[in-house]
Amino acid sequence: MNLVIALDELSKARVIVAEGEGCVAEQRAMIDTLDREGFDTLDAILFLEHLEEMQEAYVAHRDRLERQVMVLVRPATTED
């Protein structure tokens, strides 16, 4: 992967991570609302767990892309 592609992918990954944070926060708020109003929250909690697992994968992917960009920007130098 070249630097231009890596930077483009990193930009997309950062947007996805930010959107994911919003989804997780919204789901937590929904659970709080359901709980306050006396509704069963099991399905909402299970969905939150799924969102959190997905978010972890997105963050890990973003972090890998960030490391890859750093390698492309500052490749390791070999000493003679």
C-alpha atoms as a PDB file:
ATOM      1  CA  MET A   1       0.000   0.000   0.000  1.00  0.00           C
ATOM      2  CA  ASN A   2       1.397   3.390  -0.916  1.00  0.00           C
ATOM      3  CA  LEU A   3       1.235   6.481   1.271  1.00  0.00           C
ATOM      4  CA  VAL A   4      -1.650   8.142  -0.606  1.00  0.00           C
ATOM      5  CA  ILE A   5      -3.857   5.067  -0.293  1.00  0.00           C
ATOM      6  CA  ALA A   6      -2.877   4.538   3.343  1.00  0.00           C
ATOM      7  CA  LEU A   7      -3.734   8.152   4.210  1.00  0.00           C
ATOM      8  CA  ASP A   8      -7.081   7.875   2.431  1.00  0.00           C
ATOM      9  CA  GLU A   9      -7.906   4.650   4.276  1.00  0.00           C
ATOM     10  CA  LEU A  10      -6.793   6.182   7.575  1.00  0.00           C
ATOM     11  CA  SER A  11      -9.062   9.172   7.002  1.00  0.00           C
ATOM     12  CA  LYS A  12     -12.018   6.858   6.358  1.00  0.00           C
ATOM     13  CA  ALA A  13     -11.164   4.748   9.404  1.00  0.00           C
ATOM     14  CA  ARG A  14     -11.076   7.819  11.639  1.00  0.00           C
ATOM     15  CA  VAL A  15     -14.563   8.819  10.463  1.00  0.00           C
ATOM     16  CA  ILE A  16     -15.891   5.308  11.114  1.00  0.00           C
ATOM     17  CA  VAL A  17     -14.379   5.263  14.615  1.00  0.00           C
ATOM     18  CA  ALA A  18     -15.915   8.648  15.419  1.00  0.00           C
ATOM     19  CA  GLU A  19     -19.320   7.543  14.125  1.00  0.00           C
ATOM     20  CA  GLY A  20     -18.997   4.320  16.112  1.00  0.00           C
ATOM     21  CA  GLU A  21     -18.333   6.267  19.302  1.00  0.00           C
ATOM     22  CA  GLY A  22     -21.551   8.157  18.666  1.00  0.00           C
ATOM     23  CA  CYS A  23     -23.523   4.951  18.099  1.00  0.00           C
ATOM     24  CA  VAL A  24     -22.191   3.432  21.318  1.00  0.00           C
ATOM     25  CA  ALA A  25     -23.063   6.587  23.267  1.00  0.00           C
ATOM     26  CA  GLU A  26     -26.575   6.671  21.777  1.00  0.00           C
ATOM     27  CA  GLN A  27     -27.134   3.025  22.665  1.00  0.00           C
ATOM     28  CA  ARG A  28     -26.001   3.614  26.246  1.00  0.00           C
ATOM     29  CA  ALA A  29     -28.423   6.538  26.486  1.00  0.00           C
ATOM     30  CA  MET A  30     -31.182   4.336  25.096  1.00  0.00           C
ATOM     31  CA  ILE A  31     -30.489   1.700  27.730  1.00  0.00           C
ATOM     32  CA  ASP A  32     -30.634   4.351  30.465  1.00  0.00           C
ATOM     33  CA  THR A  33     -33.963   5.610  29.121  1.00  0.00           C
ATOM     34  CA  LEU A  34     -35.439   2.131  28.838  1.00  0.00           C
ATOM     35  CA  ASP A  35     -34.277   1.268  32.340  1.00  0.00           C
ATOM     36  CA  ARG A  36     -35.691   4.479  33.824  1.00  0.00           C
ATOM     37  CA  GLU A  37     -39.035   3.809  32.179  1.00  0.00           C
ATOM     38  CA  GLY A  38     -39.126   0.235  33.457  1.00  0.00           C
ATOM     39  CA  PHE A  39     -38.604  -1.613  30.168  1.00  0.00           C
ATOM     40  CA  ASP A  40     -36.598  -4.792  29.707  1.00  0.00           C
ATOM     41  CA  THR A  41     -33.105  -3.778  28.612  1.00  0.00           C
ATOM     42  CA  LEU A  42     -31.621  -7.192  27.791  1.00  0.00           C
ATOM     43  CA  ASP A  43     -31.846  -6.874  23.998  1.00  0.00           C
ATOM     44  CA  ALA A  44     -30.533  -3.314  24.123  1.00  0.00           C
ATOM     45  CA  ILE A  45     -27.594  -4.415  26.283  1.00  0.00           C
ATOM     46  CA  LEU A  46     -26.806  -7.302  23.945  1.00  0.00           C
ATOM     47  CA  PHE A  47     -26.865  -4.906  21.010  1.00  0.00           C
ATOM     48  CA  LEU A  48     -24.564  -2.521  22.915  1.00  0.00           C
ATOM     49  CA  GLU A  49     -22.118  -5.370  23.477  1.00  0.00           C
ATOM     50  CA  HIS A  50     -22.172  -6.079  19.741  1.00  0.00           C
ATOM     51  CA  LEU A  51     -21.561  -2.399  18.952  1.00  0.00           C
ATOM     52  CA  GLU A  52     -18.663  -2.296  21.424  1.00  0.00           C
ATOM     53  CA  GLU A  53     -17.069  -5.371  19.843  1.00  0.00           C
ATOM     54  CA  MET A  54     -17.368  -3.808  16.403  1.00  0.00           C
ATOM     55  CA  GLN A  55     -15.937  -0.553  17.735  1.00  0.00           C
ATOM     56  CA  GLU A  56     -12.919  -2.399  19.152  1.00  0.00           C
ATOM     57  CA  ALA A  57     -12.275  -3.913  15.718  1.00  0.00           C
ATOM     58  CA  TYR A  58     -12.603  -0.507  14.028  1.00  0.00           C
ATOM     59  CA  VAL A  59     -10.203   1.094  16.515  1.00  0.00           C
ATOM     60  CA  ALA A  60      -7.687  -1.719  16.022  1.00  0.00           C
ATOM     61  CA  HIS A  61      -7.899  -1.288  12.243  1.00  0.00           C
ATOM     62  CA  ARG A  62      -7.423   2.483  12.551  1.00  0.00           C
ATOM     63  CA  ASP A  63      -4.414   1.932  14.814  1.00  0.00           C
ATOM     64  CA  ARG A  64      -2.874  -0.496  12.297  1.00  0.00           C
ATOM     65  CA  LEU A  65      -3.338   2.059   9.533  1.00  0.00           C
ATOM     66  CA  GLU A  66      -1.730   4.763  11.678  1.00  0.00           C
ATOM     67  CA  ARG A  67       1.307   2.532  12.248  1.00  0.00           C
ATOM     68  CA  GLN A  68       1.471   1.738   8.545  1.00  0.00           C
ATOM     69  CA  VAL A  69       1.396   5.422   7.628  1.00  0.00           C
ATOM     70  CA  MET A  70       4.220   6.087  10.077  1.00  0.00           C
ATOM     71  CA  VAL A  71       6.312   3.362   8.447  1.00  0.00           C
ATOM     72  CA  LEU A  72       5.630   4.807   5.014  1.00  0.00           C
ATOM     73  CA  VAL A  73       6.460   8.345   6.141  1.00  0.00           C
ATOM     74  CA  ARG A  74       9.576   7.374   8.064  1.00  0.00           C
ATOM     75  CA  PRO A  75      10.870   4.108   6.651  1.00  0.00           C
ATOM     76  CA  ALA A  76      13.493   2.338   8.708  1.00  0.00           C
ATOM     77  CA  THR A  77      16.968   3.296   7.686  1.00  0.00           C
ATOM     78  CA  THR A  78      19.686   0.734   7.357  1.00  0.00           C
ATOM     79  CA  GLU A  79      23.078   1.505   8.744  1.00  0.00           C
ATOM     80  CA  ASP A  80      26.127   0.639   6.638  1.00  0.00           C
END
